[in-house]
């Protein structure tokens, strides 16, 4: 399985999924169902975007995803 995995293609699929969630239209629901749909879309986008931003490596059959969650402007970093 590890020899067949194209990690760059996998990362791209997560980027594509994040974009699809971001562009997904709201269904014709209202009230609590609408809020639940919006919340789930936000979580889906967050999860897909995090993996889409990962640096991946495959070493000895072990897939490692490295994700830098620090703010882009450097705020909140040590030093």
PDB file of N, CA and C in Angstrom:
ATOM      1  N   UNK A   1       0.821  -1.198   0.000  1.00  0.00           N
ATOM      2  CA  UNK A   1       0.000   0.000   0.000  1.00  0.00           C
ATOM      3  C   UNK A   1       0.863   1.259   0.000  1.00  0.00           C
ATOM      4  N   UNK A   2       1.894   1.314   0.842  1.00  0.00           N
ATOM      5  CA  UNK A   2       2.725   2.509   0.965  1.00  0.00           C
ATOM      6  C   UNK A   2       3.403   2.858  -0.354  1.00  0.00           C
ATOM      7  N   UNK A   3       3.825   1.843  -1.130  1.00  0.00           N
ATOM      8  CA  UNK A   3       4.480   2.108  -2.402  1.00  0.00           C
ATOM      9  C   UNK A   3       3.514   2.721  -3.403  1.00  0.00           C
ATOM     10  N   UNK A   4       2.215   2.460  -3.248  1.00  0.00           N
ATOM     11  CA  UNK A   4       1.202   2.942  -4.177  1.00  0.00           C
ATOM     12  C   UNK A   4       0.676   4.329  -3.816  1.00  0.00           C
ATOM     13  N   UNK A   5       0.943   4.805  -2.622  1.00  0.00           N
ATOM     14  CA  UNK A   5       0.382   6.068  -2.144  1.00  0.00           C
ATOM     15  C   UNK A   5       1.159   7.251  -2.708  1.00  0.00           C
ATOM     16  N   UNK A   6       0.459   8.108  -3.413  1.00  0.00           N
ATOM     17  CA  UNK A   6       1.027   9.363  -3.906  1.00  0.00           C
ATOM     18  C   UNK A   6       0.606  10.444  -2.918  1.00  0.00           C
ATOM     19  N   UNK A   7       1.506  10.783  -1.987  1.00  0.00           N
ATOM     20  CA  UNK A   7       1.131  11.712  -0.918  1.00  0.00           C
ATOM     21  C   UNK A   7       0.830  13.110  -1.451  1.00  0.00           C
ATOM     22  N   UNK A   8       1.521  13.520  -2.505  1.00  0.00           N
ATOM     23  CA  UNK A   8       1.237  14.841  -3.072  1.00  0.00           C
ATOM     24  C   UNK A   8      -0.177  14.883  -3.645  1.00  0.00           C
ATOM     25  N   UNK A   9      -0.580  13.807  -4.309  1.00  0.00           N
ATOM     26  CA  UNK A   9      -1.944  13.731  -4.855  1.00  0.00           C
ATOM     27  C   UNK A   9      -2.964  13.687  -3.721  1.00  0.00           C
ATOM     28  N   UNK A  10      -2.643  12.992  -2.632  1.00  0.00           N
ATOM     29  CA  UNK A  10      -3.544  12.932  -1.487  1.00  0.00           C
ATOM     30  C   UNK A  10      -3.742  14.328  -0.891  1.00  0.00           C
ATOM     31  N   UNK A  11      -2.650  15.055  -0.710  1.00  0.00           N
ATOM     32  CA  UNK A  11      -2.723  16.410  -0.172  1.00  0.00           C
ATOM     33  C   UNK A  11      -3.558  17.293  -1.098  1.00  0.00           C
ATOM     34  N   UNK A  12      -3.371  17.148  -2.410  1.00  0.00           N
ATOM     35  CA  UNK A  12      -4.146  17.942  -3.364  1.00  0.00           C
ATOM     36  C   UNK A  12      -5.637  17.619  -3.268  1.00  0.00           C
ATOM     37  N   UNK A  13      -5.970  16.346  -3.051  1.00  0.00           N
ATOM     38  CA  UNK A  13      -7.388  15.986  -2.892  1.00  0.00           C
ATOM     39  C   UNK A  13      -7.993  16.666  -1.672  1.00  0.00           C
ATOM     40  N   UNK A  14      -7.244  16.804  -0.593  1.00  0.00           N
ATOM     41  CA  UNK A  14      -7.748  17.510   0.585  1.00  0.00           C
ATOM     42  C   UNK A  14      -7.915  19.001   0.301  1.00  0.00           C
ATOM     43  N   UNK A  15      -6.993  19.585  -0.472  1.00  0.00           N
ATOM     44  CA  UNK A  15      -7.152  20.989  -0.868  1.00  0.00           C
ATOM     45  C   UNK A  15      -8.424  21.160  -1.702  1.00  0.00           C
ATOM     46  N   UNK A  16      -8.627  20.228  -2.627  1.00  0.00           N
ATOM     47  CA  UNK A  16      -9.825  20.282  -3.471  1.00  0.00           C
ATOM     48  C   UNK A  16     -11.099  20.135  -2.645  1.00  0.00           C
ATOM     49  N   UNK A  17     -11.065  19.260  -1.647  1.00  0.00           N
ATOM     50  CA  UNK A  17     -12.233  19.077  -0.781  1.00  0.00           C
ATOM     51  C   UNK A  17     -12.519  20.336   0.029  1.00  0.00           C
ATOM     52  N   UNK A  18     -11.466  20.974   0.529  1.00  0.00           N
ATOM     53  CA  UNK A  18     -11.656  22.219   1.284  1.00  0.00           C
ATOM     54  C   UNK A  18     -12.306  23.272   0.395  1.00  0.00           C
ATOM     55  N   UNK A  19     -11.832  23.389  -0.838  1.00  0.00           N
ATOM     56  CA  UNK A  19     -12.408  24.353  -1.775  1.00  0.00           C
ATOM     57  C   UNK A  19     -13.869  24.019  -2.066  1.00  0.00           C
ATOM     58  N   UNK A  20     -14.175  22.738  -2.245  1.00  0.00           N
ATOM     59  CA  UNK A  20     -15.554  22.318  -2.527  1.00  0.00           C
ATOM     60  C   UNK A  20     -16.477  22.642  -1.364  1.00  0.00           C
ATOM     61  N   UNK A  21     -16.016  22.429  -0.150  1.00  0.00           N
ATOM     62  CA  UNK A  21     -16.839  22.744   1.028  1.00  0.00           C
ATOM     63  C   UNK A  21     -17.068  24.246   1.106  1.00  0.00           C
ATOM     64  N   UNK A  22     -16.030  25.018   0.844  1.00  0.00           N
ATOM     65  CA  UNK A  22     -16.125  26.479   0.901  1.00  0.00           C
ATOM     66  C   UNK A  22     -17.156  26.990  -0.114  1.00  0.00           C
ATOM     67  N   UNK A  23     -17.239  26.330  -1.265  1.00  0.00           N
ATOM     68  CA  UNK A  23     -18.134  26.767  -2.343  1.00  0.00           C
ATOM     69  C   UNK A  23     -19.477  26.044  -2.348  1.00  0.00           C
ATOM     70  N   UNK A  24     -19.713  25.177  -1.369  1.00  0.00           N
ATOM     71  CA  UNK A  24     -20.957  24.405  -1.301  1.00  0.00           C
ATOM     72  C   UNK A  24     -22.136  25.323  -0.984  1.00  0.00           C
ATOM     73  N   UNK A  25     -23.189  25.259  -1.798  1.00  0.00           N
ATOM     74  CA  UNK A  25     -24.363  26.094  -1.499  1.00  0.00           C
ATOM     75  C   UNK A  25     -25.125  25.541  -0.301  1.00  0.00           C
ATOM     76  N   UNK A  26     -25.817  26.438   0.384  1.00  0.00           N
ATOM     77  CA  UNK A  26     -26.654  26.025   1.514  1.00  0.00           C
ATOM     78  C   UNK A  26     -27.922  25.358   0.989  1.00  0.00           C
ATOM     79  N   UNK A  27     -28.299  24.249   1.590  1.00  0.00           N
ATOM     80  CA  UNK A  27     -29.556  23.616   1.180  1.00  0.00           C
ATOM     81  C   UNK A  27     -30.738  24.432   1.711  1.00  0.00           C
ATOM     82  N   UNK A  28     -31.916  24.179   1.192  1.00  0.00           N
ATOM     83  CA  UNK A  28     -33.089  24.942   1.643  1.00  0.00           C
ATOM     84  C   UNK A  28     -33.587  24.458   3.002  1.00  0.00           C
ATOM     85  N   UNK A  29     -32.798  24.728   4.042  1.00  0.00           N
ATOM     86  CA  UNK A  29     -33.199  24.387   5.410  1.00  0.00           C
ATOM     87  C   UNK A  29     -33.172  25.657   6.243  1.00  0.00           C
ATOM     88  N   UNK A  30     -33.860  25.627   7.362  1.00  0.00           N
ATOM     89  CA  UNK A  30     -33.929  26.819   8.215  1.00  0.00           C
ATOM     90  C   UNK A  30     -33.729  26.426   9.671  1.00  0.00           C
ATOM     91  N   UNK A  31     -33.558  27.446  10.484  1.00  0.00           N
ATOM     92  CA  UNK A  31     -33.484  27.247  11.927  1.00  0.00           C
ATOM     93  C   UNK A  31     -32.283  26.436  12.371  1.00  0.00           C
ATOM     94  N   UNK A  32     -32.540  25.514  13.291  1.00  0.00           N
ATOM     95  CA  UNK A  32     -31.482  24.705  13.886  1.00  0.00           C
ATOM     96  C   UNK A  32     -30.786  23.826  12.850  1.00  0.00           C
ATOM     97  N   UNK A  33     -31.531  23.313  11.875  1.00  0.00           N
ATOM     98  CA  UNK A  33     -30.920  22.479  10.836  1.00  0.00           C
ATOM     99  C   UNK A  33     -29.929  23.290  10.003  1.00  0.00           C
ATOM    100  N   UNK A  34     -30.272  24.528   9.721  1.00  0.00           N
ATOM    101  CA  UNK A  34     -29.377  25.399   8.949  1.00  0.00           C
ATOM    102  C   UNK A  34     -28.096  25.656   9.734  1.00  0.00           C
ATOM    103  N   UNK A  35     -28.239  25.971  11.021  1.00  0.00           N
ATOM    104  CA  UNK A  35     -27.061  26.220  11.857  1.00  0.00           C
ATOM    105  C   UNK A  35     -26.174  24.979  11.955  1.00  0.00           C
ATOM    106  N   UNK A  36     -26.794  23.802  12.059  1.00  0.00           N
ATOM    107  CA  UNK A  36     -26.033  22.555  12.109  1.00  0.00           C
ATOM    108  C   UNK A  36     -25.279  22.339  10.795  1.00  0.00           C
ATOM    109  N   UNK A  37     -25.927  22.612   9.664  1.00  0.00           N
ATOM    110  CA  UNK A  37     -25.286  22.459   8.368  1.00  0.00           C
ATOM    111  C   UNK A  37     -24.081  23.400   8.252  1.00  0.00           C
ATOM    112  N   UNK A  38     -24.275  24.660   8.665  1.00  0.00           N
ATOM    113  CA  UNK A  38     -23.194  25.645   8.600  1.00  0.00           C
ATOM    114  C   UNK A  38     -22.034  25.230   9.497  1.00  0.00           C
ATOM    115  N   UNK A  39     -22.341  24.787  10.702  1.00  0.00           N
ATOM    116  CA  UNK A  39     -21.284  24.357  11.640  1.00  0.00           C
ATOM    117  C   UNK A  39     -20.506  23.166  11.079  1.00  0.00           C
ATOM    118  N   UNK A  40     -21.229  22.205  10.506  1.00  0.00           N
ATOM    119  CA  UNK A  40     -20.553  21.038   9.939  1.00  0.00           C
ATOM    120  C   UNK A  40     -19.679  21.437   8.749  1.00  0.00           C
ATOM    121  N   UNK A  41     -20.153  22.359   7.933  1.00  0.00           N
ATOM    122  CA  UNK A  41     -19.363  22.836   6.796  1.00  0.00           C
ATOM    123  C   UNK A  41     -18.088  23.530   7.285  1.00  0.00           C
ATOM    124  N   UNK A  42     -18.191  24.303   8.360  1.00  0.00           N
ATOM    125  CA  UNK A  42     -17.012  24.967   8.922  1.00  0.00           C
ATOM    126  C   UNK A  42     -15.993  23.942   9.414  1.00  0.00           C
ATOM    127  N   UNK A  43     -16.470  22.912  10.096  1.00  0.00           N
ATOM    128  CA  UNK A  43     -15.563  21.867  10.585  1.00  0.00           C
ATOM    129  C   UNK A  43     -14.942  21.081   9.434  1.00  0.00           C
ATOM    130  N   UNK A  44     -15.761  20.754   8.432  1.00  0.00           N
ATOM    131  CA  UNK A  44     -15.239  20.033   7.272  1.00  0.00           C
ATOM    132  C   UNK A  44     -14.151  20.858   6.588  1.00  0.00           C
ATOM    133  N   UNK A  45     -14.428  22.149   6.378  1.00  0.00           N
ATOM    134  CA  UNK A  45     -13.438  23.019   5.740  1.00  0.00           C
ATOM    135  C   UNK A  45     -12.156  23.064   6.555  1.00  0.00           C
ATOM    136  N   UNK A  46     -12.283  23.263   7.858  1.00  0.00           N
ATOM    137  CA  UNK A  46     -11.109  23.333   8.724  1.00  0.00           C
ATOM    138  C   UNK A  46     -10.281  22.062   8.626  1.00  0.00           C
ATOM    139  N   UNK A  47     -10.929  20.918   8.730  1.00  0.00           N
ATOM    140  CA  UNK A  47     -10.204  19.644   8.690  1.00  0.00           C
ATOM    141  C   UNK A  47      -9.518  19.427   7.350  1.00  0.00           C
ATOM    142  N   UNK A  48     -10.248  19.652   6.257  1.00  0.00           N
ATOM    143  CA  UNK A  48      -9.667  19.454   4.928  1.00  0.00           C
ATOM    144  C   UNK A  48      -8.540  20.452   4.679  1.00  0.00           C
ATOM    145  N   UNK A  49      -8.716  21.703   5.105  1.00  0.00           N
ATOM    146  CA  UNK A  49      -7.694  22.724   4.890  1.00  0.00           C
ATOM    147  C   UNK A  49      -6.424  22.428   5.687  1.00  0.00           C
ATOM    148  N   UNK A  50      -6.572  21.939   6.890  1.00  0.00           N
ATOM    149  CA  UNK A  50      -5.389  21.603   7.699  1.00  0.00           C
ATOM    150  C   UNK A  50      -4.564  20.523   7.000  1.00  0.00           C
ATOM    151  N   UNK A  51      -5.222  19.458   6.560  1.00  0.00           N
ATOM    152  CA  UNK A  51      -4.491  18.400   5.860  1.00  0.00           C
ATOM    153  C   UNK A  51      -3.950  18.922   4.530  1.00  0.00           C
ATOM    154  N   UNK A  52      -4.714  19.784   3.862  1.00  0.00           N
ATOM    155  CA  UNK A  52      -4.273  20.362   2.599  1.00  0.00           C
ATOM    156  C   UNK A  52      -3.039  21.233   2.746  1.00  0.00           C
ATOM    157  N   UNK A  53      -2.799  21.777   3.927  1.00  0.00           N
ATOM    158  CA  UNK A  53      -1.618  22.600   4.189  1.00  0.00           C
ATOM    159  C   UNK A  53      -0.435  21.802   4.722  1.00  0.00           C
ATOM    160  N   UNK A  54      -0.623  20.513   4.895  1.00  0.00           N
ATOM    161  CA  UNK A  54       0.415  19.672   5.507  1.00  0.00           C
ATOM    162  C   UNK A  54       1.586  19.433   4.564  1.00  0.00           C
ATOM    163  N   UNK A  55       2.734  19.239   5.169  1.00  0.00           N
ATOM    164  CA  UNK A  55       3.902  18.728   4.458  1.00  0.00           C
ATOM    165  C   UNK A  55       3.939  17.243   4.767  1.00  0.00           C
ATOM    166  N   UNK A  56       3.935  16.425   3.737  1.00  0.00           N
ATOM    167  CA  UNK A  56       3.854  14.979   3.935  1.00  0.00           C
ATOM    168  C   UNK A  56       5.173  14.317   3.602  1.00  0.00           C
ATOM    169  N   UNK A  57       5.470  13.261   4.347  1.00  0.00           N
ATOM    170  CA  UNK A  57       6.616  12.422   4.020  1.00  0.00           C
ATOM    171  C   UNK A  57       6.223  10.973   4.281  1.00  0.00           C
ATOM    172  N   UNK A  58       6.772  10.106   3.472  1.00  0.00           N
ATOM    173  CA  UNK A  58       6.517   8.677   3.592  1.00  0.00           C
ATOM    174  C   UNK A  58       7.862   7.994   3.738  1.00  0.00           C
ATOM    175  N   UNK A  59       8.151   7.541   4.942  1.00  0.00           N
ATOM    176  CA  UNK A  59       9.441   6.933   5.240  1.00  0.00           C
ATOM    177  C   UNK A  59       9.250   5.564   5.860  1.00  0.00           C
ATOM    178  N   UNK A  60       9.722   4.546   5.173  1.00  0.00           N
ATOM    179  CA  UNK A  60       9.629   3.188   5.699  1.00  0.00           C
ATOM    180  C   UNK A  60       8.206   2.742   5.934  1.00  0.00           C
ATOM    181  N   UNK A  61       7.277   3.213   5.113  1.00  0.00           N
ATOM    182  CA  UNK A  61       5.886   2.821   5.262  1.00  0.00           C
ATOM    183  C   UNK A  61       5.112   3.631   6.287  1.00  0.00           C
ATOM    184  N   UNK A  62       5.751   4.661   6.844  1.00  0.00           N
ATOM    185  CA  UNK A  62       5.082   5.513   7.834  1.00  0.00           C
ATOM    186  C   UNK A  62       4.819   6.872   7.205  1.00  0.00           C
ATOM    187  N   UNK A  63       3.543   7.228   7.124  1.00  0.00           N
ATOM    188  CA  UNK A  63       3.135   8.527   6.596  1.00  0.00           C
ATOM    189  C   UNK A  63       3.148   9.530   7.733  1.00  0.00           C
ATOM    190  N   UNK A  64       3.892  10.614   7.537  1.00  0.00           N
ATOM    191  CA  UNK A  64       3.962  11.680   8.523  1.00  0.00           C
ATOM    192  C   UNK A  64       3.438  12.955   7.880  1.00  0.00           C
ATOM    193  N   UNK A  65       2.487  13.582   8.542  1.00  0.00           N
ATOM    194  CA  UNK A  65       1.956  14.859   8.093  1.00  0.00           C
ATOM    195  C   UNK A  65       2.402  15.912   9.092  1.00  0.00           C
ATOM    196  N   UNK A  66       3.085  16.929   8.604  1.00  0.00           N
ATOM    197  CA  UNK A  66       3.572  18.007   9.464  1.00  0.00           C
ATOM    198  C   UNK A  66       2.766  19.256   9.140  1.00  0.00           C
ATOM    199  N   UNK A  67       2.113  19.817  10.162  1.00  0.00           N
ATOM    200  CA  UNK A  67       1.251  20.975   9.977  1.00  0.00           C
ATOM    201  C   UNK A  67       1.686  22.066  10.950  1.00  0.00           C
ATOM    202  N   UNK A  68       2.028  23.221  10.397  1.00  0.00           N
ATOM    203  CA  UNK A  68       2.404  24.373  11.216  1.00  0.00           C
ATOM    204  C   UNK A  68       1.142  25.173  11.518  1.00  0.00           C
ATOM    205  N   UNK A  69       0.702  25.154  12.753  1.00  0.00           N
ATOM    206  CA  UNK A  69      -0.523  25.844  13.160  1.00  0.00           C
ATOM    207  C   UNK A  69      -0.257  27.227  13.755  1.00  0.00           C
ATOM    208  N   UNK A  70       1.006  27.662  13.707  1.00  0.00           N
ATOM    209  CA  UNK A  70       1.316  28.992  14.221  1.00  0.00           C
ATOM    210  C   UNK A  70       0.737  30.055  13.299  1.00  0.00           C
ATOM    211  N   UNK A  71       0.360  31.199  13.867  1.00  0.00           N
ATOM    212  CA  UNK A  71      -0.161  32.302  13.039  1.00  0.00           C
ATOM    213  C   UNK A  71       0.867  32.711  11.980  1.00  0.00           C
ATOM    214  N   UNK A  72       0.400  33.057  10.796  1.00  0.00           N
ATOM    215  CA  UNK A  72       1.283  33.417   9.679  1.00  0.00           C
ATOM    216  C   UNK A  72       2.082  34.688   9.952  1.00  0.00           C
ATOM    217  N   UNK A  73       1.551  35.624  10.756  1.00  0.00           N
ATOM    218  CA  UNK A  73       2.227  36.899  11.010  1.00  0.00           C
ATOM    219  C   UNK A  73       3.284  36.820  12.107  1.00  0.00           C
ATOM    220  N   UNK A  74       3.447  35.637  12.693  1.00  0.00           N
ATOM    221  CA  UNK A  74       4.442  35.472  13.736  1.00  0.00           C
ATOM    222  C   UNK A  74       3.940  35.800  15.125  1.00  0.00           C
ATOM    223  N   UNK A  75       2.717  36.297  15.247  1.00  0.00           N
ATOM    224  CA  UNK A  75       2.146  36.611  16.566  1.00  0.00           C
ATOM    225  C   UNK A  75       1.999  35.342  17.384  1.00  0.00           C
ATOM    226  N   UNK A  76       2.367  35.438  18.617  1.00  0.00           N
ATOM    227  CA  UNK A  76       2.189  34.311  19.521  1.00  0.00           C
ATOM    228  C   UNK A  76       3.319  33.298  19.452  1.00  0.00           C
ATOM    229  N   UNK A  77       4.393  33.594  18.716  1.00  0.00           N
ATOM    230  CA  UNK A  77       5.509  32.664  18.649  1.00  0.00           C
ATOM    231  C   UNK A  77       6.508  32.998  19.733  1.00  0.00           C
ATOM    232  N   UNK A  78       7.296  32.026  20.097  1.00  0.00           N
ATOM    233  CA  UNK A  78       8.328  32.238  21.100  1.00  0.00           C
ATOM    234  C   UNK A  78       9.487  32.971  20.461  1.00  0.00           C
ATOM    235  N   UNK A  79       9.948  34.029  21.130  1.00  0.00           N
ATOM    236  CA  UNK A  79      11.135  34.761  20.714  1.00  0.00           C
ATOM    237  C   UNK A  79      10.868  35.705  19.666  1.00  0.00           C
TER     238      UNK A  79
END
